[in-house]
Amino acid sequence: MATSTATQHIKHEMLVGGISNTIFNGIIAWLLLKSGPALAWGGDHSFAIDVIATGLLLPLIVALIVIPLQRGKLNKGKLQPIHLGAGSFMQRMADRLPAGTFRSALLFGLFGMCVIAPLTLLGFYLLGVEQVSPLNYSIFKGIWAGLIAAVLVVPMVLLALRAPVTAA
């Protein structure tokens, strides 16, 4: 795929993934939390547990959707393979992922749970956040989920659209 076409496709997928996850996660959080108490670090209404669970599930589910959809378009000839070159950090990351959809999705989920979630909670801690109202948490969660999806969809697309490996 030509570089400008590849870049346009990746930007489109980032927008679709980011906006849809912002909307869906924000609305779902609001519907689940609107009549409840403020969320705190621990207890029945823990934002920490929610951040960790979402850190695992969001990238896992997005990968299980994005990778097969992109591969399907590639197999039907609607898209061409993409390779951004060895100088691209995202390309190097995508090239290290296993070809299998589930294994890659699991790695994305583990990355979200073990890297993104702890960094997010560190931010809460450093900002001195003790409690978050349901409305504020719903807004935060929508934006946070959208950003995660927008960023992680790049290596997902690059993984799905990498050229097939040919035997030498």
Protein backbone atom coordinates (compact mmCIF):
# COMPACT_ATOMS: atom_id res chain seq x y z
CA MET A 1 0.00 0.00 0.00
CA ALA A 2 1.37 3.42 -0.90
CA THR A 3 2.70 5.41 2.04
CA SER A 4 0.09 8.19 1.84
CA THR A 5 -2.69 5.63 1.38
CA ALA A 6 -1.35 3.59 4.30
CA THR A 7 -1.13 6.69 6.48
CA GLN A 8 -4.68 7.70 5.54
CA HIS A 9 -5.96 4.22 6.32
CA ILE A 10 -4.24 4.14 9.71
CA LYS A 11 -5.55 7.61 10.59
CA HIS A 12 -9.07 6.52 9.60
CA GLU A 13 -8.85 3.41 11.77
CA MET A 14 -7.50 5.50 14.68
CA LEU A 15 -10.45 7.89 14.39
CA VAL A 16 -13.02 5.11 14.12
CA GLY A 17 -11.54 3.13 17.01
CA GLY A 18 -10.95 6.18 19.17
CA ILE A 19 -14.33 7.84 18.68
CA SER A 20 -16.39 4.65 18.92
CA ASN A 21 -14.62 3.53 22.10
CA THR A 22 -14.94 6.99 23.64
CA ILE A 23 -18.68 6.99 23.04
CA PHE A 24 -19.41 3.38 23.98
CA ASN A 25 -17.22 3.22 27.08
CA GLY A 26 -18.39 6.60 28.36
CA ILE A 27 -22.06 5.71 27.91
CA ILE A 28 -21.69 2.23 29.38
CA ALA A 29 -19.82 3.60 32.40
CA TRP A 30 -22.49 6.26 32.92
CA LEU A 31 -25.35 3.76 32.65
CA LEU A 32 -23.68 1.42 35.14
CA LEU A 33 -22.56 4.08 37.60
CA LYS A 34 -25.05 6.95 37.43
CA SER A 35 -27.11 5.94 40.45
CA GLY A 36 -24.19 4.75 42.55
CA PRO A 37 -21.83 6.41 45.00
CA ALA A 38 -18.49 7.99 44.17
CA LEU A 39 -15.80 5.56 43.12
CA ALA A 40 -12.77 5.10 45.39
CA TRP A 41 -9.52 3.15 45.32
CA GLY A 42 -11.01 0.05 46.96
CA GLY A 43 -14.29 -1.51 47.96
CA ASP A 44 -17.37 -2.40 45.95
CA HIS A 45 -17.09 0.79 43.87
CA SER A 46 -13.39 0.73 43.02
CA PHE A 47 -12.04 2.71 40.11
CA ALA A 48 -8.73 0.83 40.51
CA ILE A 49 -10.35 -2.53 39.79
CA ASP A 50 -12.28 -1.04 36.88
CA VAL A 51 -9.14 0.51 35.37
CA ILE A 52 -7.25 -2.81 35.63
CA ALA A 53 -10.15 -4.82 34.18
CA THR A 54 -10.68 -2.34 31.36
CA GLY A 55 -6.94 -2.26 30.74
CA LEU A 56 -7.11 -5.99 30.02
CA LEU A 57 -10.47 -6.29 28.28
CA LEU A 58 -10.51 -3.20 26.06
CA PRO A 59 -7.32 -3.95 24.06
CA LEU A 60 -8.15 -7.66 23.98
CA ILE A 61 -11.63 -7.09 22.53
CA VAL A 62 -10.53 -4.34 20.14
CA ALA A 63 -7.77 -6.61 18.81
CA LEU A 64 -10.22 -9.51 18.39
CA ILE A 65 -12.34 -7.20 16.22
CA VAL A 66 -9.76 -5.11 14.36
CA ILE A 67 -7.26 -7.79 13.34
CA PRO A 68 -9.76 -10.16 11.65
CA LEU A 69 -11.60 -7.26 9.96
CA GLN A 70 -8.37 -5.87 8.52
CA ARG A 71 -7.17 -9.32 7.44
CA GLY A 72 -10.51 -9.98 5.77
CA LYS A 73 -10.17 -6.77 3.74
CA LEU A 74 -6.60 -7.72 2.85
CA ASN A 75 -7.65 -11.23 1.73
CA LYS A 76 -10.46 -9.79 -0.41
CA GLY A 77 -8.05 -7.38 -2.09
CA LYS A 78 -9.70 -4.27 -0.62
CA LEU A 79 -6.44 -3.37 1.16
CA GLN A 80 -2.78 -3.88 0.39
CA PRO A 81 -0.09 -4.91 2.87
CA ILE A 82 1.38 -2.04 4.90
CA HIS A 83 4.95 -1.69 6.11
CA LEU A 84 6.01 1.68 7.50
CA GLY A 85 9.70 0.77 7.44
CA ALA A 86 12.26 -0.20 10.03
CA GLY A 87 12.41 3.40 11.32
CA SER A 88 8.82 3.23 12.56
CA PHE A 89 8.48 2.38 16.26
CA MET A 90 4.92 1.11 15.75
CA GLN A 91 6.02 -1.06 12.82
CA ARG A 92 8.82 -2.61 14.90
CA MET A 93 6.33 -3.35 17.70
CA ALA A 94 3.80 -4.86 15.30
CA ASP A 95 6.47 -6.99 13.63
CA ARG A 96 7.32 -8.58 16.99
CA LEU A 97 3.76 -9.74 17.62
CA PRO A 98 2.72 -13.30 16.81
CA ALA A 99 0.66 -13.83 13.67
CA GLY A 100 -2.16 -15.60 15.52
CA THR A 101 -5.11 -13.32 16.28
CA PHE A 102 -5.89 -14.67 19.74
CA ARG A 103 -2.27 -14.71 20.90
CA SER A 104 -1.75 -11.15 19.68
CA ALA A 105 -5.04 -10.03 21.25
CA LEU A 106 -3.98 -11.59 24.54
CA LEU A 107 -0.67 -9.73 24.39
CA PHE A 108 -2.49 -6.45 23.74
CA GLY A 109 -4.72 -7.16 26.74
CA LEU A 110 -1.78 -8.00 28.97
CA PHE A 111 -0.02 -4.83 27.84
CA GLY A 112 -3.10 -2.82 28.77
CA MET A 113 -3.40 -4.47 32.17
CA CYS A 114 0.31 -4.49 33.05
CA VAL A 115 1.44 -1.16 31.54
CA ILE A 116 -1.45 1.18 30.72
CA ALA A 117 -3.56 0.48 33.82
CA PRO A 118 -0.70 0.89 36.34
CA LEU A 119 0.44 4.11 34.64
CA THR A 120 -3.13 5.40 34.78
CA LEU A 121 -3.46 4.54 38.45
CA LEU A 122 -0.09 6.14 39.12
CA GLY A 123 -1.51 9.31 37.59
CA PHE A 124 -4.53 9.12 39.90
CA TYR A 125 -2.20 8.62 42.87
CA LEU A 126 0.16 11.46 41.93
CA LEU A 127 -2.81 13.79 41.44
CA GLY A 128 -4.12 12.85 44.87
CA VAL A 129 -7.40 11.42 43.58
CA GLU A 130 -9.23 9.62 46.38
CA GLN A 131 -12.75 9.58 44.95
CA VAL A 132 -14.37 10.23 41.58
CA SER A 133 -18.05 11.03 40.99
CA PRO A 134 -19.88 8.71 38.58
CA LEU A 135 -20.25 11.50 35.99
CA ASN A 136 -16.59 12.51 36.11
CA TYR A 137 -15.46 8.88 36.01
CA SER A 138 -17.71 8.17 33.02
CA ILE A 139 -16.21 11.13 31.15
CA PHE A 140 -12.70 10.05 32.13
CA LYS A 141 -13.33 6.45 31.15
CA GLY A 142 -14.74 7.36 27.76
CA ILE A 143 -11.81 9.59 26.89
CA TRP A 144 -9.27 7.15 28.36
CA ALA A 145 -10.72 4.17 26.47
CA GLY A 146 -10.85 6.17 23.25
CA LEU A 147 -7.20 7.16 23.56
CA ILE A 148 -6.14 3.59 24.30
CA ALA A 149 -8.06 2.26 21.29
CA ALA A 150 -6.77 5.02 18.99
CA VAL A 151 -3.15 4.33 19.91
CA LEU A 152 -3.29 0.52 19.99
CA VAL A 153 -5.22 0.22 16.74
CA VAL A 154 -2.05 1.29 14.91
CA PRO A 155 0.00 -1.82 15.74
CA MET A 156 -3.16 -3.92 15.35
CA VAL A 157 -3.63 -2.68 11.77
CA LEU A 158 0.07 -3.06 11.01
CA LEU A 159 -0.01 -6.61 12.36
CA ALA A 160 -3.10 -7.51 10.33
CA LEU A 161 -1.83 -5.93 7.13
CA ARG A 162 1.77 -7.05 7.17
CA ALA A 163 2.93 -8.78 4.05
CA PRO A 164 2.91 -12.57 4.19
CA VAL A 165 6.27 -14.11 4.99
CA THR A 166 7.65 -16.02 2.01
CA ALA A 167 10.06 -18.92 2.36
CA ALA A 168 13.53 -18.19 1.01
